[in-house]
Amino acid sequence: MVIRISARTVTVTERRDLRRIDVVTSLSPDDTGARLRARSIGFVDGDAVYLDTLWLRALGSDPHWNTELDEVLSFAECHGRFDCLYLKSRLSAGASAQAQHLR
């Protein structure tokens, strides 16, 4: 999944690929955090973005989505990147950022 944050929009592409979650922006960390908070998506802390898993869960409506997301969250929890509400991912600048692999 790729979450792109711009000055006006937050777009989510590649929704079927939950094995990696990329958060990509061309904005400053402060502006990115403001966009995420304004949309109740999450927040930024340093070079990390914390995604609200309730928002992630709402992106899909089929059982497969929920099963895949549960697996991702279980894996992330074992590695200290999930606190039962927020999923920690790396904030990447620009379109050519490296993927944040969760598995």
N, C-alpha and C. Protein backbone atom coordinates (compact mmCIF):
# COMPACT_ATOMS: atom_id res chain seq x y z
N MET A 1 0.85 -1.16 0.00
CA MET A 1 0.00 0.00 0.00
C MET A 1 0.90 1.23 0.00
N VAL A 2 0.47 2.22 -0.76
CA VAL A 2 1.19 3.48 -0.78
C VAL A 2 0.21 4.58 -0.37
N ILE A 3 0.60 5.34 0.63
CA ILE A 3 -0.19 6.48 1.08
C ILE A 3 0.60 7.72 0.71
N ARG A 4 0.04 8.52 -0.20
CA ARG A 4 0.71 9.74 -0.65
C ARG A 4 0.01 10.95 -0.04
N ILE A 5 0.81 11.80 0.56
CA ILE A 5 0.28 12.98 1.23
C ILE A 5 0.79 14.21 0.51
N SER A 6 -0.16 15.02 0.02
CA SER A 6 0.21 16.27 -0.63
C SER A 6 -0.46 17.42 0.11
N ALA A 7 -0.28 18.61 -0.40
CA ALA A 7 -0.85 19.79 0.26
C ALA A 7 -2.37 19.75 0.30
N ARG A 8 -2.98 19.09 -0.68
CA ARG A 8 -4.44 19.08 -0.75
C ARG A 8 -5.08 17.72 -0.59
N THR A 9 -4.34 16.65 -0.81
CA THR A 9 -4.96 15.33 -0.81
C THR A 9 -4.14 14.29 -0.07
N VAL A 10 -4.83 13.25 0.32
CA VAL A 10 -4.21 12.02 0.81
C VAL A 10 -4.78 10.92 -0.07
N THR A 11 -3.92 10.24 -0.82
CA THR A 11 -4.39 9.17 -1.71
C THR A 11 -3.78 7.86 -1.27
N VAL A 12 -4.54 6.81 -1.47
CA VAL A 12 -4.09 5.46 -1.12
C VAL A 12 -4.16 4.62 -2.39
N THR A 13 -3.03 4.05 -2.77
CA THR A 13 -2.97 3.17 -3.93
C THR A 13 -2.39 1.83 -3.50
N GLU A 14 -2.45 0.88 -4.40
CA GLU A 14 -1.93 -0.46 -4.16
C GLU A 14 -2.48 -1.04 -2.86
N ARG A 15 -3.78 -0.87 -2.66
CA ARG A 15 -4.43 -1.30 -1.42
C ARG A 15 -4.32 -2.79 -1.17
N ARG A 16 -4.19 -3.57 -2.21
CA ARG A 16 -4.16 -5.02 -2.03
C ARG A 16 -2.82 -5.54 -1.51
N ASP A 17 -1.81 -4.70 -1.50
CA ASP A 17 -0.48 -5.13 -1.06
C ASP A 17 -0.21 -4.58 0.34
N LEU A 18 -0.61 -5.33 1.35
CA LEU A 18 -0.38 -4.90 2.72
C LEU A 18 0.95 -5.40 3.28
N ARG A 19 1.72 -6.08 2.45
CA ARG A 19 3.04 -6.55 2.92
C ARG A 19 4.02 -5.41 3.08
N ARG A 20 3.69 -4.30 2.48
CA ARG A 20 4.51 -3.10 2.68
C ARG A 20 3.56 -1.93 2.76
N ILE A 21 3.92 -0.97 3.55
CA ILE A 21 3.15 0.26 3.65
C ILE A 21 4.14 1.41 3.52
N ASP A 22 3.99 2.15 2.42
CA ASP A 22 4.82 3.32 2.18
C ASP A 22 4.00 4.56 2.47
N VAL A 23 4.55 5.47 3.23
CA VAL A 23 3.94 6.78 3.43
C VAL A 23 4.89 7.77 2.79
N VAL A 24 4.44 8.39 1.71
CA VAL A 24 5.30 9.23 0.88
C VAL A 24 4.73 10.65 0.85
N THR A 25 5.61 11.62 1.00
CA THR A 25 5.18 13.02 0.98
C THR A 25 6.28 13.91 0.42
N SER A 26 5.87 15.02 -0.13
CA SER A 26 6.83 16.05 -0.53
C SER A 26 6.75 17.24 0.43
N LEU A 27 5.92 17.12 1.45
CA LEU A 27 5.73 18.18 2.44
C LEU A 27 6.73 18.04 3.59
N SER A 28 6.84 19.07 4.38
CA SER A 28 7.66 19.00 5.58
C SER A 28 7.00 18.05 6.57
N PRO A 29 7.76 17.50 7.50
CA PRO A 29 7.14 16.65 8.52
C PRO A 29 6.01 17.34 9.29
N ASP A 30 6.17 18.63 9.60
CA ASP A 30 5.12 19.36 10.32
C ASP A 30 3.85 19.46 9.48
N ASP A 31 4.00 19.80 8.20
CA ASP A 31 2.82 19.90 7.32
C ASP A 31 2.18 18.54 7.10
N THR A 32 3.00 17.52 6.96
CA THR A 32 2.48 16.16 6.80
C THR A 32 1.68 15.76 8.03
N GLY A 33 2.24 16.01 9.20
CA GLY A 33 1.53 15.69 10.43
C GLY A 33 0.21 16.43 10.55
N ALA A 34 0.20 17.69 10.14
CA ALA A 34 -1.03 18.48 10.18
C ALA A 34 -2.09 17.89 9.27
N ARG A 35 -1.68 17.44 8.08
CA ARG A 35 -2.64 16.81 7.14
C ARG A 35 -3.19 15.51 7.72
N LEU A 36 -2.31 14.72 8.31
CA LEU A 36 -2.76 13.45 8.89
C LEU A 36 -3.71 13.69 10.07
N ARG A 37 -3.36 14.60 10.94
CA ARG A 37 -4.21 14.89 12.10
C ARG A 37 -5.57 15.46 11.66
N ALA A 38 -5.57 16.34 10.67
CA ALA A 38 -6.81 16.97 10.21
C ALA A 38 -7.79 15.94 9.66
N ARG A 39 -7.27 14.85 9.13
CA ARG A 39 -8.12 13.81 8.55
C ARG A 39 -8.28 12.59 9.47
N SER A 40 -7.79 12.71 10.69
CA SER A 40 -7.85 11.60 11.67
C SER A 40 -7.21 10.32 11.13
N ILE A 41 -6.08 10.50 10.44
CA ILE A 41 -5.34 9.37 9.86
C ILE A 41 -4.19 8.96 10.76
N GLY A 42 -3.60 9.91 11.45
CA GLY A 42 -2.45 9.61 12.30
C GLY A 42 -1.66 10.85 12.63
N PHE A 43 -0.36 10.64 12.88
CA PHE A 43 0.50 11.77 13.23
C PHE A 43 1.94 11.42 12.87
N VAL A 44 2.79 12.44 12.88
CA VAL A 44 4.21 12.29 12.56
C VAL A 44 5.02 12.57 13.82
N ASP A 45 6.05 11.75 14.04
CA ASP A 45 7.00 11.98 15.12
C ASP A 45 8.38 11.69 14.56
N GLY A 46 9.14 12.74 14.31
CA GLY A 46 10.46 12.58 13.70
C GLY A 46 10.34 12.06 12.28
N ASP A 47 11.02 10.95 11.99
CA ASP A 47 10.94 10.37 10.64
C ASP A 47 9.96 9.20 10.59
N ALA A 48 9.11 9.10 11.59
CA ALA A 48 8.11 8.04 11.64
C ALA A 48 6.71 8.61 11.53
N VAL A 49 5.85 7.85 10.90
CA VAL A 49 4.44 8.20 10.84
C VAL A 49 3.68 7.11 11.58
N TYR A 50 2.70 7.51 12.34
CA TYR A 50 1.87 6.59 13.11
C TYR A 50 0.47 6.64 12.52
N LEU A 51 0.06 5.54 11.89
CA LEU A 51 -1.23 5.46 11.21
C LEU A 51 -2.28 4.88 12.14
N ASP A 52 -3.41 5.54 12.20
CA ASP A 52 -4.53 5.07 13.00
C ASP A 52 -5.08 3.81 12.35
N THR A 53 -5.04 2.71 13.07
CA THR A 53 -5.46 1.44 12.47
C THR A 53 -6.98 1.37 12.27
N LEU A 54 -7.74 2.20 12.96
CA LEU A 54 -9.17 2.27 12.68
C LEU A 54 -9.40 2.85 11.29
N TRP A 55 -8.59 3.83 10.91
CA TRP A 55 -8.64 4.39 9.56
C TRP A 55 -8.22 3.34 8.54
N LEU A 56 -7.12 2.64 8.83
CA LEU A 56 -6.68 1.58 7.91
C LEU A 56 -7.77 0.53 7.72
N ARG A 57 -8.39 0.13 8.81
CA ARG A 57 -9.43 -0.90 8.73
C ARG A 57 -10.61 -0.42 7.88
N ALA A 58 -10.93 0.86 7.95
CA ALA A 58 -12.05 1.41 7.18
C ALA A 58 -11.77 1.48 5.68
N LEU A 59 -10.51 1.31 5.27
CA LEU A 59 -10.17 1.35 3.84
C LEU A 59 -10.70 0.15 3.08
N GLY A 60 -10.95 -0.94 3.76
CA GLY A 60 -11.44 -2.15 3.10
C GLY A 60 -12.68 -2.66 3.78
N SER A 61 -13.51 -3.33 3.01
CA SER A 61 -14.77 -3.82 3.59
C SER A 61 -14.93 -5.33 3.50
N ASP A 62 -14.02 -5.99 2.83
CA ASP A 62 -14.19 -7.44 2.69
C ASP A 62 -13.41 -8.19 3.76
N PRO A 63 -13.78 -9.42 4.04
CA PRO A 63 -13.10 -10.21 5.08
C PRO A 63 -11.61 -10.42 4.80
N HIS A 64 -11.24 -10.54 3.52
CA HIS A 64 -9.83 -10.72 3.17
C HIS A 64 -9.00 -9.53 3.66
N TRP A 65 -9.53 -8.32 3.48
CA TRP A 65 -8.83 -7.11 3.93
C TRP A 65 -8.55 -7.17 5.43
N ASN A 66 -9.58 -7.49 6.19
CA ASN A 66 -9.43 -7.54 7.64
C ASN A 66 -8.46 -8.63 8.08
N THR A 67 -8.49 -9.77 7.42
CA THR A 67 -7.56 -10.85 7.74
C THR A 67 -6.12 -10.43 7.46
N GLU A 68 -5.89 -9.85 6.30
CA GLU A 68 -4.55 -9.38 5.95
C GLU A 68 -4.07 -8.29 6.92
N LEU A 69 -4.95 -7.36 7.23
CA LEU A 69 -4.57 -6.30 8.15
C LEU A 69 -4.26 -6.85 9.53
N ASP A 70 -5.04 -7.81 9.99
CA ASP A 70 -4.77 -8.44 11.29
C ASP A 70 -3.39 -9.10 11.30
N GLU A 71 -3.01 -9.75 10.20
CA GLU A 71 -1.68 -10.37 10.11
C GLU A 71 -0.58 -9.32 10.16
N VAL A 72 -0.77 -8.23 9.43
CA VAL A 72 0.22 -7.15 9.43
C VAL A 72 0.37 -6.58 10.84
N LEU A 73 -0.74 -6.33 11.51
CA LEU A 73 -0.69 -5.75 12.84
C LEU A 73 -0.07 -6.70 13.85
N SER A 74 -0.34 -7.98 13.72
CA SER A 74 0.27 -8.97 14.61
C SER A 74 1.78 -8.99 14.43
N PHE A 75 2.22 -8.99 13.18
CA PHE A 75 3.65 -8.96 12.89
C PHE A 75 4.29 -7.68 13.43
N ALA A 76 3.63 -6.54 13.17
CA ALA A 76 4.16 -5.25 13.62
C ALA A 76 4.24 -5.19 15.14
N GLU A 77 3.27 -5.77 15.82
CA GLU A 77 3.27 -5.76 17.28
C GLU A 77 4.48 -6.53 17.83
N CYS A 78 4.80 -7.64 17.19
CA CYS A 78 5.96 -8.44 17.61
C CYS A 78 7.27 -7.67 17.44
N HIS A 79 7.27 -6.67 16.57
CA HIS A 79 8.48 -5.89 16.30
C HIS A 79 8.40 -4.48 16.87
N GLY A 80 7.46 -4.25 17.78
CA GLY A 80 7.37 -2.96 18.45
C GLY A 80 6.87 -1.83 17.59
N ARG A 81 6.12 -2.14 16.52
CA ARG A 81 5.63 -1.09 15.62
C ARG A 81 4.10 -0.96 15.65
N PHE A 82 3.48 -1.56 16.64
CA PHE A 82 2.03 -1.45 16.78
C PHE A 82 1.69 -1.43 18.27
N ASP A 83 0.94 -0.41 18.69
CA ASP A 83 0.61 -0.25 20.11
C ASP A 83 -0.87 -0.46 20.40
N CYS A 84 -1.54 -1.22 19.57
CA CYS A 84 -2.98 -1.52 19.67
C CYS A 84 -3.86 -0.42 19.10
N LEU A 85 -3.30 0.69 18.66
CA LEU A 85 -4.08 1.71 17.96
C LEU A 85 -3.32 2.25 16.75
N TYR A 86 -2.04 2.54 16.92
CA TYR A 86 -1.26 3.13 15.83
C TYR A 86 -0.21 2.16 15.30
N LEU A 87 -0.11 2.14 13.98
CA LEU A 87 0.91 1.35 13.29
C LEU A 87 2.04 2.30 12.89
N LYS A 88 3.24 1.99 13.32
CA LYS A 88 4.40 2.84 13.02
C LYS A 88 4.97 2.45 11.66
N SER A 89 5.22 3.47 10.84
CA SER A 89 5.84 3.27 9.54
C SER A 89 6.84 4.39 9.32
N ARG A 90 7.70 4.21 8.34
CA ARG A 90 8.69 5.24 8.04
C ARG A 90 8.09 6.27 7.10
N LEU A 91 8.35 7.52 7.36
CA LEU A 91 7.90 8.61 6.49
C LEU A 91 8.98 8.85 5.45
N SER A 92 8.60 8.75 4.18
CA SER A 92 9.55 8.89 3.08
C SER A 92 9.26 10.16 2.30
N ALA A 93 10.31 10.83 1.89
CA ALA A 93 10.17 12.04 1.08
C ALA A 93 10.29 11.67 -0.39
N GLY A 94 9.38 12.17 -1.19
CA GLY A 94 9.45 12.00 -2.64
C GLY A 94 8.88 10.69 -3.13
N ALA A 95 8.71 10.61 -4.43
CA ALA A 95 8.06 9.46 -5.05
C ALA A 95 8.95 8.24 -5.15
N SER A 96 10.25 8.38 -5.03
CA SER A 96 11.14 7.23 -5.21
C SER A 96 11.60 6.63 -3.90
N ALA A 97 10.82 6.85 -2.86
CA ALA A 97 11.21 6.36 -1.53
C ALA A 97 11.21 4.84 -1.46
N GLN A 98 12.05 4.33 -0.61
CA GLN A 98 12.13 2.89 -0.40
C GLN A 98 10.89 2.40 0.33
N ALA A 99 10.51 1.17 0.11
CA ALA A 99 9.35 0.57 0.76
C ALA A 99 9.66 0.27 2.22
N GLN A 100 8.65 0.40 3.04
CA GLN A 100 8.74 -0.01 4.44
C GLN A 100 8.13 -1.42 4.50
N HIS A 101 8.97 -2.42 4.64
CA HIS A 101 8.50 -3.80 4.61
C HIS A 101 8.03 -4.22 6.00
N LEU A 102 6.86 -4.81 6.02
CA LEU A 102 6.28 -5.23 7.28
C LEU A 102 6.36 -6.73 7.48
N ARG A 103 6.78 -7.46 6.47
CA ARG A 103 6.91 -8.92 6.60
C ARG A 103 8.27 -9.35 6.14
